Amino acid sequence: MMITMLKSKIHRVRLTGAELDYEGSIAIDKNLLKAAGIYANEQVHVLNLNTGQRLVTYTIEAAEGSGEICLNGPAARMGQVGDILIIISYCHLPENEVANHHPIIVKVDKNNRPI
């Protein structure tokens, strides 16, 4: 049996942009993606603490060190600049590996840089 587990979380990032005229996704500073072990084009869940909304999309790399977190396409309607987000990725593990699994939790400073 495969169990869906938290793989990683980027905790309490600040939304820096929302671009409606784009095909979709969330742009995330490449440093944050690396720190969280999230790949470009990987599916993520985005939780907006300000609105209570949750969406599923995929990631694209924003410039390394930029602190950018930008909702694109229809997702741009799901937040306003300054909103606080939690970005979550999941993995599937065989049941016998669950007890040894440790998710990556990335906390950030006020400029969306890993602490």
PDB file of N, CA and C in Angstrom:
ATOM      1  N   MET A   1       0.845  -1.179   0.000  1.00  0.00           N
ATOM      2  CA  MET A   1       0.000   0.000   0.000  1.00  0.00           C
ATOM      3  C   MET A   1       0.892   1.243   0.000  1.00  0.00           C
ATOM      4  N   MET A   2       0.512   2.237  -0.804  1.00  0.00           N
ATOM      5  CA  MET A   2       1.228   3.511  -0.838  1.00  0.00           C
ATOM      6  C   MET A   2       0.456   4.532   0.004  1.00  0.00           C
ATOM      7  N   ILE A   3       1.184   5.305   0.780  1.00  0.00           N
ATOM      8  CA  ILE A   3       0.602   6.310   1.656  1.00  0.00           C
ATOM      9  C   ILE A   3       1.050   7.686   1.159  1.00  0.00           C
ATOM     10  N   THR A   4       0.107   8.628   1.057  1.00  0.00           N
ATOM     11  CA  THR A   4       0.447   9.995   0.665  1.00  0.00           C
ATOM     12  C   THR A   4       0.890  10.756   1.909  1.00  0.00           C
ATOM     13  N   MET A   5       2.117  11.295   1.831  1.00  0.00           N
ATOM     14  CA  MET A   5       2.711  11.971   2.977  1.00  0.00           C
ATOM     15  C   MET A   5       3.157  13.380   2.585  1.00  0.00           C
ATOM     16  N   LEU A   6       3.253  14.252   3.576  1.00  0.00           N
ATOM     17  CA  LEU A   6       3.832  15.570   3.366  1.00  0.00           C
ATOM     18  C   LEU A   6       5.295  15.380   2.978  1.00  0.00           C
ATOM     19  N   LYS A   7       5.677  15.900   1.807  1.00  0.00           N
ATOM     20  CA  LYS A   7       7.079  15.858   1.380  1.00  0.00           C
ATOM     21  C   LYS A   7       7.806  17.099   1.874  1.00  0.00           C
ATOM     22  N   SER A   8       7.191  18.264   1.614  1.00  0.00           N
ATOM     23  CA  SER A   8       7.815  19.507   2.058  1.00  0.00           C
ATOM     24  C   SER A   8       6.785  20.623   2.122  1.00  0.00           C
ATOM     25  N   LYS A   9       7.187  21.676   2.849  1.00  0.00           N
ATOM     26  CA  LYS A   9       6.297  22.819   3.029  1.00  0.00           C
ATOM     27  C   LYS A   9       7.140  24.081   3.081  1.00  0.00           C
ATOM     28  N   ILE A  10       6.706  25.100   2.317  1.00  0.00           N
ATOM     29  CA  ILE A  10       7.281  26.439   2.438  1.00  0.00           C
ATOM     30  C   ILE A  10       6.256  27.218   3.242  1.00  0.00           C
ATOM     31  N   HIS A  11       6.630  27.589   4.447  1.00  0.00           N
ATOM     32  CA  HIS A  11       5.678  28.069   5.449  1.00  0.00           C
ATOM     33  C   HIS A  11       5.649  29.588   5.558  1.00  0.00           C
ATOM     34  N   ARG A  12       4.475  30.163   5.329  1.00  0.00           N
ATOM     35  CA  ARG A  12       4.183  31.579   5.549  1.00  0.00           C
ATOM     36  C   ARG A  12       4.992  32.530   4.653  1.00  0.00           C
ATOM     37  N   VAL A  13       5.012  32.201   3.337  1.00  0.00           N
ATOM     38  CA  VAL A  13       5.613  33.142   2.390  1.00  0.00           C
ATOM     39  C   VAL A  13       4.606  34.236   2.075  1.00  0.00           C
ATOM     40  N   ARG A  14       5.130  35.379   1.647  1.00  0.00           N
ATOM     41  CA  ARG A  14       4.284  36.515   1.294  1.00  0.00           C
ATOM     42  C   ARG A  14       4.133  36.548  -0.216  1.00  0.00           C
ATOM     43  N   LEU A  15       2.895  36.664  -0.675  1.00  0.00           N
ATOM     44  CA  LEU A  15       2.612  36.759  -2.107  1.00  0.00           C
ATOM     45  C   LEU A  15       3.136  38.095  -2.624  1.00  0.00           C
ATOM     46  N   THR A  16       3.995  38.034  -3.661  1.00  0.00           N
ATOM     47  CA  THR A  16       4.605  39.249  -4.198  1.00  0.00           C
ATOM     48  C   THR A  16       4.002  39.681  -5.525  1.00  0.00           C
ATOM     49  N   GLY A  17       3.211  38.800  -6.145  1.00  0.00           N
ATOM     50  CA  GLY A  17       2.628  39.165  -7.427  1.00  0.00           C
ATOM     51  C   GLY A  17       1.473  38.257  -7.801  1.00  0.00           C
ATOM     52  N   ALA A  18       0.648  38.748  -8.727  1.00  0.00           N
ATOM     53  CA  ALA A  18      -0.468  37.986  -9.279  1.00  0.00           C
ATOM     54  C   ALA A  18      -0.638  38.429 -10.729  1.00  0.00           C
ATOM     55  N   GLU A  19      -0.375  37.510 -11.671  1.00  0.00           N
ATOM     56  CA  GLU A  19      -0.402  37.820 -13.097  1.00  0.00           C
ATOM     57  C   GLU A  19      -1.522  37.032 -13.774  1.00  0.00           C
ATOM     58  N   LEU A  20      -2.642  37.672 -13.989  1.00  0.00           N
ATOM     59  CA  LEU A  20      -3.796  37.003 -14.587  1.00  0.00           C
ATOM     60  C   LEU A  20      -3.523  36.573 -16.025  1.00  0.00           C
ATOM     61  N   ASP A  21      -2.806  37.375 -16.792  1.00  0.00           N
ATOM     62  CA  ASP A  21      -2.581  37.111 -18.208  1.00  0.00           C
ATOM     63  C   ASP A  21      -1.397  36.158 -18.399  1.00  0.00           C
ATOM     64  N   TYR A  22      -1.563  34.946 -17.914  1.00  0.00           N
ATOM     65  CA  TYR A  22      -0.527  33.924 -17.988  1.00  0.00           C
ATOM     66  C   TYR A  22      -1.247  32.589 -17.976  1.00  0.00           C
ATOM     67  N   GLU A  23      -0.627  31.552 -18.512  1.00  0.00           N
ATOM     68  CA  GLU A  23      -1.329  30.285 -18.657  1.00  0.00           C
ATOM     69  C   GLU A  23      -1.572  29.520 -17.357  1.00  0.00           C
ATOM     70  N   GLY A  24      -0.880  29.839 -16.307  1.00  0.00           N
ATOM     71  CA  GLY A  24      -1.155  29.186 -15.027  1.00  0.00           C
ATOM     72  C   GLY A  24       0.090  28.822 -14.266  1.00  0.00           C
ATOM     73  N   SER A  25      -0.025  28.561 -12.997  1.00  0.00           N
ATOM     74  CA  SER A  25       1.043  28.078 -12.123  1.00  0.00           C
ATOM     75  C   SER A  25       1.329  29.046 -10.985  1.00  0.00           C
ATOM     76  N   ILE A  26       2.359  28.717 -10.217  1.00  0.00           N
ATOM     77  CA  ILE A  26       2.880  29.616  -9.192  1.00  0.00           C
ATOM     78  C   ILE A  26       4.391  29.707  -9.389  1.00  0.00           C
ATOM     79  N   ALA A  27       4.889  30.923  -9.538  1.00  0.00           N
ATOM     80  CA  ALA A  27       6.324  31.158  -9.646  1.00  0.00           C
ATOM     81  C   ALA A  27       6.892  31.288  -8.238  1.00  0.00           C
ATOM     82  N   ILE A  28       7.964  30.545  -7.971  1.00  0.00           N
ATOM     83  CA  ILE A  28       8.586  30.516  -6.646  1.00  0.00           C
ATOM     84  C   ILE A  28      10.083  30.711  -6.805  1.00  0.00           C
ATOM     85  N   ASP A  29      10.656  31.596  -5.988  1.00  0.00           N
ATOM     86  CA  ASP A  29      12.096  31.816  -5.967  1.00  0.00           C
ATOM     87  C   ASP A  29      12.824  30.470  -6.000  1.00  0.00           C
ATOM     88  N   LYS A  30      13.764  30.346  -6.926  1.00  0.00           N
ATOM     89  CA  LYS A  30      14.501  29.092  -7.103  1.00  0.00           C
ATOM     90  C   LYS A  30      15.173  28.636  -5.808  1.00  0.00           C
ATOM     91  N   ASN A  31      15.645  29.565  -4.976  1.00  0.00           N
ATOM     92  CA  ASN A  31      16.259  29.194  -3.695  1.00  0.00           C
ATOM     93  C   ASN A  31      15.271  28.486  -2.782  1.00  0.00           C
ATOM     94  N   LEU A  32      14.021  28.949  -2.777  1.00  0.00           N
ATOM     95  CA  LEU A  32      13.003  28.305  -1.942  1.00  0.00           C
ATOM     96  C   LEU A  32      12.663  26.919  -2.478  1.00  0.00           C
ATOM     97  N   LEU A  33      12.575  26.791  -3.802  1.00  0.00           N
ATOM     98  CA  LEU A  33      12.312  25.475  -4.390  1.00  0.00           C
ATOM     99  C   LEU A  33      13.411  24.493  -3.998  1.00  0.00           C
ATOM    100  N   LYS A  34      14.658  24.919  -4.113  1.00  0.00           N
ATOM    101  CA  LYS A  34      15.790  24.057  -3.744  1.00  0.00           C
ATOM    102  C   LYS A  34      15.712  23.670  -2.269  1.00  0.00           C
ATOM    103  N   ALA A  35      15.485  24.653  -1.409  1.00  0.00           N
ATOM    104  CA  ALA A  35      15.450  24.398   0.033  1.00  0.00           C
ATOM    105  C   ALA A  35      14.361  23.396   0.406  1.00  0.00           C
ATOM    106  N   ALA A  36      13.237  23.452  -0.315  1.00  0.00           N
ATOM    107  CA  ALA A  36      12.109  22.571  -0.017  1.00  0.00           C
ATOM    108  C   ALA A  36      12.157  21.258  -0.792  1.00  0.00           C
ATOM    109  N   GLY A  37      13.095  21.130  -1.716  1.00  0.00           N
ATOM    110  CA  GLY A  37      13.150  19.911  -2.527  1.00  0.00           C
ATOM    111  C   GLY A  37      11.977  19.808  -3.481  1.00  0.00           C
ATOM    112  N   ILE A  38      11.480  20.942  -3.948  1.00  0.00           N
ATOM    113  CA  ILE A  38      10.364  20.975  -4.899  1.00  0.00           C
ATOM    114  C   ILE A  38      10.944  21.260  -6.281  1.00  0.00           C
ATOM    115  N   TYR A  39      10.483  20.514  -7.274  1.00  0.00           N
ATOM    116  CA  TYR A  39      10.974  20.647  -8.636  1.00  0.00           C
ATOM    117  C   TYR A  39      10.110  21.600  -9.453  1.00  0.00           C
ATOM    118  N   ALA A  40      10.707  22.185 -10.487  1.00  0.00           N
ATOM    119  CA  ALA A  40       9.922  22.952 -11.460  1.00  0.00           C
ATOM    120  C   ALA A  40       8.893  22.004 -12.071  1.00  0.00           C
ATOM    121  N   ASN A  41       7.688  22.478 -12.244  1.00  0.00           N
ATOM    122  CA  ASN A  41       6.554  21.725 -12.811  1.00  0.00           C
ATOM    123  C   ASN A  41       5.947  20.698 -11.856  1.00  0.00           C
ATOM    124  N   GLU A  42       6.397  20.673 -10.609  1.00  0.00           N
ATOM    125  CA  GLU A  42       5.824  19.745  -9.630  1.00  0.00           C
ATOM    126  C   GLU A  42       4.481  20.279  -9.122  1.00  0.00           C
ATOM    127  N   GLN A  43       3.553  19.381  -8.909  1.00  0.00           N
ATOM    128  CA  GLN A  43       2.254  19.768  -8.350  1.00  0.00           C
ATOM    129  C   GLN A  43       2.418  20.197  -6.902  1.00  0.00           C
ATOM    130  N   VAL A  44       1.758  21.285  -6.544  1.00  0.00           N
ATOM    131  CA  VAL A  44       1.742  21.764  -5.165  1.00  0.00           C
ATOM    132  C   VAL A  44       0.333  22.208  -4.792  1.00  0.00           C
ATOM    133  N   HIS A  45       0.083  22.214  -3.505  1.00  0.00           N
ATOM    134  CA  HIS A  45      -1.133  22.808  -2.959  1.00  0.00           C
ATOM    135  C   HIS A  45      -0.725  24.139  -2.355  1.00  0.00           C
ATOM    136  N   VAL A  46      -1.509  25.160  -2.631  1.00  0.00           N
ATOM    137  CA  VAL A  46      -1.231  26.501  -2.127  1.00  0.00           C
ATOM    138  C   VAL A  46      -2.380  26.895  -1.214  1.00  0.00           C
ATOM    139  N   LEU A  47      -2.067  27.188   0.038  1.00  0.00           N
ATOM    140  CA  LEU A  47      -3.070  27.580   1.028  1.00  0.00           C
ATOM    141  C   LEU A  47      -2.903  29.061   1.314  1.00  0.00           C
ATOM    142  N   ASN A  48      -3.974  29.819   1.179  1.00  0.00           N
ATOM    143  CA  ASN A  48      -3.936  31.257   1.436  1.00  0.00           C
ATOM    144  C   ASN A  48      -4.497  31.493   2.834  1.00  0.00           C
ATOM    145  N   LEU A  49      -3.637  31.923   3.749  1.00  0.00           N
ATOM    146  CA  LEU A  49      -4.075  32.139   5.128  1.00  0.00           C
ATOM    147  C   LEU A  49      -5.017  33.334   5.261  1.00  0.00           C
ATOM    148  N   ASN A  50      -4.925  34.291   4.344  1.00  0.00           N
ATOM    149  CA  ASN A  50      -5.787  35.471   4.413  1.00  0.00           C
ATOM    150  C   ASN A  50      -7.213  35.177   3.985  1.00  0.00           C
ATOM    151  N   THR A  51      -7.378  34.319   2.974  1.00  0.00           N
ATOM    152  CA  THR A  51      -8.719  34.061   2.427  1.00  0.00           C
ATOM    153  C   THR A  51      -9.279  32.700   2.815  1.00  0.00           C
ATOM    154  N   GLY A  52      -8.410  31.795   3.250  1.00  0.00           N
ATOM    155  CA  GLY A  52      -8.851  30.439   3.556  1.00  0.00           C
ATOM    156  C   GLY A  52      -8.942  29.555   2.318  1.00  0.00           C
ATOM    157  N   GLN A  53      -8.608  30.084   1.146  1.00  0.00           N
ATOM    158  CA  GLN A  53      -8.693  29.298  -0.079  1.00  0.00           C
ATOM    159  C   GLN A  53      -7.507  28.357  -0.212  1.00  0.00           C
ATOM    160  N   ARG A  54      -7.736  27.274  -0.955  1.00  0.00           N
ATOM    161  CA  ARG A  54      -6.705  26.281  -1.229  1.00  0.00           C
ATOM    162  C   ARG A  54      -6.797  25.951  -2.706  1.00  0.00           C
ATOM    163  N   LEU A  55      -5.648  25.917  -3.391  1.00  0.00           N
ATOM    164  CA  LEU A  55      -5.662  25.578  -4.807  1.00  0.00           C
ATOM    165  C   LEU A  55      -4.549  24.603  -5.111  1.00  0.00           C
ATOM    166  N   VAL A  56      -4.713  23.882  -6.208  1.00  0.00           N
ATOM    167  CA  VAL A  56      -3.711  22.950  -6.689  1.00  0.00           C
ATOM    168  C   VAL A  56      -3.196  23.492  -8.010  1.00  0.00           C
ATOM    169  N   THR A  57      -1.878  23.580  -8.134  1.00  0.00           N
ATOM    170  CA  THR A  57      -1.265  24.078  -9.358  1.00  0.00           C
ATOM    171  C   THR A  57       0.102  23.431  -9.487  1.00  0.00           C
ATOM    172  N   TYR A  58       0.940  23.974 -10.381  1.00  0.00           N
ATOM    173  CA  TYR A  58       2.299  23.469 -10.541  1.00  0.00           C
ATOM    174  C   TYR A  58       3.276  24.635 -10.414  1.00  0.00           C
ATOM    175  N   THR A  59       4.520  24.314 -10.154  1.00  0.00           N
ATOM    176  CA  THR A  59       5.529  25.345  -9.905  1.00  0.00           C
ATOM    177  C   THR A  59       6.305  25.707 -11.164  1.00  0.00           C
ATOM    178  N   ILE A  60       6.746  26.964 -11.201  1.00  0.00           N
ATOM    179  CA  ILE A  60       7.772  27.390 -12.150  1.00  0.00           C
ATOM    180  C   ILE A  60       8.823  28.153 -11.346  1.00  0.00           C
ATOM    181  N   GLU A  61      10.040  28.147 -11.845  1.00  0.00           N
ATOM    182  CA  GLU A  61      11.129  28.815 -11.138  1.00  0.00           C
ATOM    183  C   GLU A  61      11.082  30.319 -11.362  1.00  0.00           C
ATOM    184  N   ALA A  62      11.147  31.074 -10.277  1.00  0.00           N
ATOM    185  CA  ALA A  62      11.369  32.517 -10.341  1.00  0.00           C
ATOM    186  C   ALA A  62      12.859  32.738 -10.098  1.00  0.00           C
ATOM    187  N   ALA A  63      13.328  33.928 -10.376  1.00  0.00           N
ATOM    188  CA  ALA A  63      14.753  34.233 -10.247  1.00  0.00           C
ATOM    189  C   ALA A  63      15.286  33.876  -8.869  1.00  0.00           C
ATOM    190  N   GLU A  64      16.463  33.266  -8.874  1.00  0.00           N
ATOM    191  CA  GLU A  64      17.120  32.862  -7.641  1.00  0.00           C
ATOM    192  C   GLU A  64      17.438  34.080  -6.777  1.00  0.00           C
ATOM    193  N   GLY A  65      17.008  34.029  -5.516  1.00  0.00           N
ATOM    194  CA  GLY A  65      17.266  35.118  -4.582  1.00  0.00           C
ATOM    195  C   GLY A  65      16.308  36.284  -4.679  1.00  0.00           C
ATOM    196  N   SER A  66      15.303  36.173  -5.550  1.00  0.00           N
ATOM    197  CA  SER A  66      14.358  37.279  -5.765  1.00  0.00           C
ATOM    198  C   SER A  66      13.306  37.402  -4.676  1.00  0.00           C
ATOM    199  N   GLY A  67      13.025  36.306  -3.964  1.00  0.00           N
ATOM    200  CA  GLY A  67      11.943  36.299  -2.990  1.00  0.00           C
ATOM    201  C   GLY A  67      10.571  36.257  -3.645  1.00  0.00           C
ATOM    202  N   GLU A  68      10.542  36.075  -4.961  1.00  0.00           N
ATOM    203  CA  GLU A  68       9.269  36.124  -5.702  1.00  0.00           C
ATOM    204  C   GLU A  68       8.376  34.927  -5.404  1.00  0.00           C
ATOM    205  N   ILE A  69       7.110  35.226  -5.167  1.00  0.00           N
ATOM    206  CA  ILE A  69       6.035  34.247  -5.067  1.00  0.00           C
ATOM    207  C   ILE A  69       4.883  34.868  -5.852  1.00  0.00           C
ATOM    208  N   CYS A  70       4.586  34.327  -7.029  1.00  0.00           N
ATOM    209  CA  CYS A  70       3.599  34.948  -7.909  1.00  0.00           C
ATOM    210  C   CYS A  70       2.586  33.935  -8.410  1.00  0.00           C
ATOM    211  N   LEU A  71       1.313  34.190  -8.144  1.00  0.00           N
ATOM    212  CA  LEU A  71       0.236  33.373  -8.680  1.00  0.00           C
ATOM    213  C   LEU A  71      -0.035  33.803 -10.110  1.00  0.00           C
ATOM    214  N   ASN A  72      -0.132  32.829 -11.030  1.00  0.00           N
ATOM    215  CA  ASN A  72      -0.301  33.117 -12.448  1.00  0.00           C
ATOM    216  C   ASN A  72      -1.583  32.511 -12.998  1.00  0.00           C
ATOM    217  N   GLY A  73      -2.114  33.134 -14.049  1.00  0.00           N
ATOM    218  CA  GLY A  73      -3.323  32.634 -14.702  1.00  0.00           C
ATOM    219  C   GLY A  73      -4.509  32.726 -13.766  1.00  0.00           C
ATOM    220  N   PRO A  74      -5.449  31.787 -13.886  1.00  0.00           N
ATOM    221  CA  PRO A  74      -6.634  31.825 -13.029  1.00  0.00           C
ATOM    222  C   PRO A  74      -6.314  31.868 -11.540  1.00  0.00           C
ATOM    223  N   ALA A  75      -5.184  31.277 -11.150  1.00  0.00           N
ATOM    224  CA  ALA A  75      -4.792  31.293  -9.735  1.00  0.00           C
ATOM    225  C   ALA A  75      -4.563  32.703  -9.228  1.00  0.00           C
ATOM    226  N   ALA A  76      -4.288  33.647 -10.137  1.00  0.00           N
ATOM    227  CA  ALA A  76      -4.061  35.041  -9.732  1.00  0.00           C
ATOM    228  C   ALA A  76      -5.275  35.626  -9.020  1.00  0.00           C
ATOM    229  N   ARG A  77      -6.438  35.059  -9.263  1.00  0.00           N
ATOM    230  CA  ARG A  77      -7.660  35.518  -8.593  1.00  0.00           C
ATOM    231  C   ARG A  77      -7.779  34.984  -7.165  1.00  0.00           C
ATOM    232  N   MET A  78      -6.830  34.125  -6.773  1.00  0.00           N
ATOM    233  CA  MET A  78      -6.906  33.458  -5.477  1.00  0.00           C
ATOM    234  C   MET A  78      -6.099  34.160  -4.386  1.00  0.00           C
ATOM    235  N   GLY A  79      -5.534  35.333  -4.705  1.00  0.00           N
ATOM    236  CA  GLY A  79      -4.769  36.035  -3.689  1.00  0.00           C
ATOM    237  C   GLY A  79      -4.406  37.437  -4.117  1.00  0.00           C
ATOM    238  N   GLN A  80      -4.060  38.237  -3.140  1.00  0.00           N
ATOM    239  CA  GLN A  80      -3.615  39.602  -3.375  1.00  0.00           C
ATOM    240  C   GLN A  80      -2.199  39.750  -2.837  1.00  0.00           C
ATOM    241  N   VAL A  81      -1.431  40.626  -3.479  1.00  0.00           N
ATOM    242  CA  VAL A  81      -0.072  40.878  -3.023  1.00  0.00           C
ATOM    243  C   VAL A  81      -0.108  41.173  -1.524  1.00  0.00           C
ATOM    244  N   GLY A  82       0.786  40.518  -0.800  1.00  0.00           N
ATOM    245  CA  GLY A  82       0.846  40.673   0.653  1.00  0.00           C
ATOM    246  C   GLY A  82       0.192  39.528   1.412  1.00  0.00           C
ATOM    247  N   ASP A  83      -0.684  38.747   0.745  1.00  0.00           N
ATOM    248  CA  ASP A  83      -1.290  37.597   1.413  1.00  0.00           C
ATOM    249  C   ASP A  83      -0.214  36.614   1.856  1.00  0.00           C
ATOM    250  N   ILE A  84      -0.476  35.902   2.938  1.00  0.00           N
ATOM    251  CA  ILE A  84       0.446  34.903   3.468  1.00  0.00           C
ATOM    252  C   ILE A  84      -0.004  33.524   2.991  1.00  0.00           C
ATOM    253  N   LEU A  85       0.948  32.778   2.410  1.00  0.00           N
ATOM    254  CA  LEU A  85       0.660  31.470   1.821  1.00  0.00           C
ATOM    255  C   LEU A  85       1.485  30.375   2.477  1.00  0.00           C
ATOM    256  N   ILE A  86       0.958  29.162   2.384  1.00  0.00           N
ATOM    257  CA  ILE A  86       1.705  27.953   2.705  1.00  0.00           C
ATOM    258  C   ILE A  86       1.692  27.125   1.428  1.00  0.00           C
ATOM    259  N   ILE A  87       2.865  26.690   0.987  1.00  0.00           N
ATOM    260  CA  ILE A  87       2.983  25.909  -0.240  1.00  0.00           C
ATOM    261  C   ILE A  87       3.422  24.502   0.162  1.00  0.00           C
ATOM    262  N   ILE A  88       2.644  23.502  -0.255  1.00  0.00           N
ATOM    263  CA  ILE A  88       2.837  22.130   0.206  1.00  0.00           C
ATOM    264  C   ILE A  88       3.054  21.191  -0.969  1.00  0.00           C
ATOM    265  N   SER A  89       4.040  20.286  -0.829  1.00  0.00           N
ATOM    266  CA  SER A  89       4.204  19.188  -1.783  1.00  0.00           C
ATOM    267  C   SER A  89       4.039  17.869  -1.026  1.00  0.00           C
ATOM    268  N   TYR A  90       3.634  16.855  -1.759  1.00  0.00           N
ATOM    269  CA  TYR A  90       3.381  15.544  -1.172  1.00  0.00           C
ATOM    270  C   TYR A  90       4.206  14.486  -1.890  1.00  0.00           C
ATOM    271  N   CYS A  91       4.377  13.343  -1.258  1.00  0.00           N
ATOM    272  CA  CYS A  91       5.015  12.194  -1.892  1.00  0.00           C
ATOM    273  C   CYS A  91       4.222  10.943  -1.531  1.00  0.00           C
ATOM    274  N   HIS A  92       4.466   9.884  -2.270  1.00  0.00           N
ATOM    275  CA  HIS A  92       3.817   8.592  -2.007  1.00  0.00           C
ATOM    276  C   HIS A  92       4.895   7.615  -1.542  1.00  0.00           C
ATOM    277  N   LEU A  93       4.671   7.037  -0.389  1.00  0.00           N
ATOM    278  CA  LEU A  93       5.647   6.119   0.185  1.00  0.00           C
ATOM    279  C   LEU A  93       5.022   4.766   0.468  1.00  0.00           C
ATOM    280  N   PRO A  94       5.811   3.706   0.321  1.00  0.00           N
ATOM    281  CA  PRO A  94       5.326   2.414   0.783  1.00  0.00           C
ATOM    282  C   PRO A  94       5.099   2.476   2.293  1.00  0.00           C
ATOM    283  N   GLU A  95       4.128   1.774   2.766  1.00  0.00           N
ATOM    284  CA  GLU A  95       3.763   1.826   4.179  1.00  0.00           C
ATOM    285  C   GLU A  95       4.947   1.557   5.104  1.00  0.00           C
ATOM    286  N   ASN A  96       5.858   0.691   4.693  1.00  0.00           N
ATOM    287  CA  ASN A  96       7.002   0.351   5.561  1.00  0.00           C
ATOM    288  C   ASN A  96       8.027   1.479   5.650  1.00  0.00           C
ATOM    289  N   GLU A  97       7.922   2.542   4.840  1.00  0.00           N
ATOM    290  CA  GLU A  97       8.850   3.669   4.908  1.00  0.00           C
ATOM    291  C   GLU A  97       8.277   4.880   5.655  1.00  0.00           C
ATOM    292  N   VAL A  98       7.016   4.837   6.000  1.00  0.00           N
ATOM    293  CA  VAL A  98       6.349   5.979   6.616  1.00  0.00           C
ATOM    294  C   VAL A  98       6.996   6.384   7.945  1.00  0.00           C
ATOM    295  N   ALA A  99       7.313   5.428   8.785  1.00  0.00           N
ATOM    296  CA  ALA A  99       7.855   5.734  10.115  1.00  0.00           C
ATOM    297  C   ALA A  99       9.195   6.464  10.050  1.00  0.00           C
ATOM    298  N   ASN A 100       9.950   6.275   8.977  1.00  0.00           N
ATOM    299  CA  ASN A 100      11.267   6.909   8.856  1.00  0.00           C
ATOM    300  C   ASN A 100      11.246   8.178   8.010  1.00  0.00           C
ATOM    301  N   HIS A 101      10.084   8.590   7.557  1.00  0.00           N
ATOM    302  CA  HIS A 101       9.975   9.768   6.690  1.00  0.00           C
ATOM    303  C   HIS A 101       9.971  11.051   7.524  1.00  0.00           C
ATOM    304  N   HIS A 102      10.734  12.035   7.066  1.00  0.00           N
ATOM    305  CA  HIS A 102      10.787  13.336   7.729  1.00  0.00           C
ATOM    306  C   HIS A 102      10.615  14.419   6.671  1.00  0.00           C
ATOM    307  N   PRO A 103       9.491  15.135   6.685  1.00  0.00           N
ATOM    308  CA  PRO A 103       9.279  16.183   5.682  1.00  0.00           C
ATOM    309  C   PRO A 103      10.216  17.369   5.899  1.00  0.00           C
ATOM    310  N   ILE A 104      10.438  18.115   4.832  1.00  0.00           N
ATOM    311  CA  ILE A 104      11.249  19.330   4.882  1.00  0.00           C
ATOM    312  C   ILE A 104      10.317  20.508   5.150  1.00  0.00           C
ATOM    313  N   ILE A 105      10.605  21.291   6.163  1.00  0.00           N
ATOM    314  CA  ILE A 105       9.820  22.485   6.474  1.00  0.00           C
ATOM    315  C   ILE A 105      10.736  23.697   6.298  1.00  0.00           C
ATOM    316  N   VAL A 106      10.373  24.577   5.364  1.00  0.00           N
ATOM    317  CA  VAL A 106      11.167  25.775   5.097  1.00  0.00           C
ATOM    318  C   VAL A 106      10.423  26.979   5.646  1.00  0.00           C
ATOM    319  N   LYS A 107      11.022  27.650   6.609  1.00  0.00           N
ATOM    320  CA  LYS A 107      10.469  28.900   7.136  1.00  0.00           C
ATOM    321  C   LYS A 107      11.222  30.047   6.492  1.00  0.00           C
ATOM    322  N   VAL A 108      10.546  31.175   6.365  1.00  0.00           N
ATOM    323  CA  VAL A 108      11.134  32.306   5.648  1.00  0.00           C
ATOM    324  C   VAL A 108      11.124  33.576   6.497  1.00  0.00           C
ATOM    325  N   ASP A 109      11.982  34.530   6.094  1.00  0.00           N
ATOM    326  CA  ASP A 109      11.976  35.836   6.737  1.00  0.00           C
ATOM    327  C   ASP A 109      10.964  36.741   6.029  1.00  0.00           C
ATOM    328  N   LYS A 110      10.921  38.008   6.362  1.00  0.00           N
ATOM    329  CA  LYS A 110       9.931  38.932   5.790  1.00  0.00           C
ATOM    330  C   LYS A 110      10.143  39.191   4.297  1.00  0.00           C
ATOM    331  N   ASN A 111      11.310  38.786   3.757  1.00  0.00           N
ATOM    332  CA  ASN A 111      11.601  38.942   2.338  1.00  0.00           C
ATOM    333  C   ASN A 111      11.535  37.629   1.568  1.00  0.00           C
ATOM    334  N   ASN A 112      10.870  36.635   2.160  1.00  0.00           N
ATOM    335  CA  ASN A 112      10.715  35.308   1.542  1.00  0.00           C
ATOM    336  C   ASN A 112      12.054  34.607   1.302  1.00  0.00           C
ATOM    337  N   ARG A 113      12.990  34.800   2.209  1.00  0.00           N
ATOM    338  CA  ARG A 113      14.269  34.111   2.111  1.00  0.00           C
ATOM    339  C   ARG A 113      14.308  33.044   3.217  1.00  0.00           C
ATOM    340  N   PRO A 114      14.829  31.859   2.893  1.00  0.00           N
ATOM    341  CA  PRO A 114      14.858  30.789   3.903  1.00  0.00           C
ATOM    342  C   PRO A 114      15.608  31.234   5.151  1.00  0.00           C
ATOM    343  N   ILE A 115      15.061  30.864   6.305  1.00  0.00           N
ATOM    344  CA  ILE A 115      15.715  31.167   7.586  1.00  0.00           C
ATOM    345  C   ILE A 115      16.669  30.016   7.909  1.00  0.00           C
TER     346      ILE A 115
END
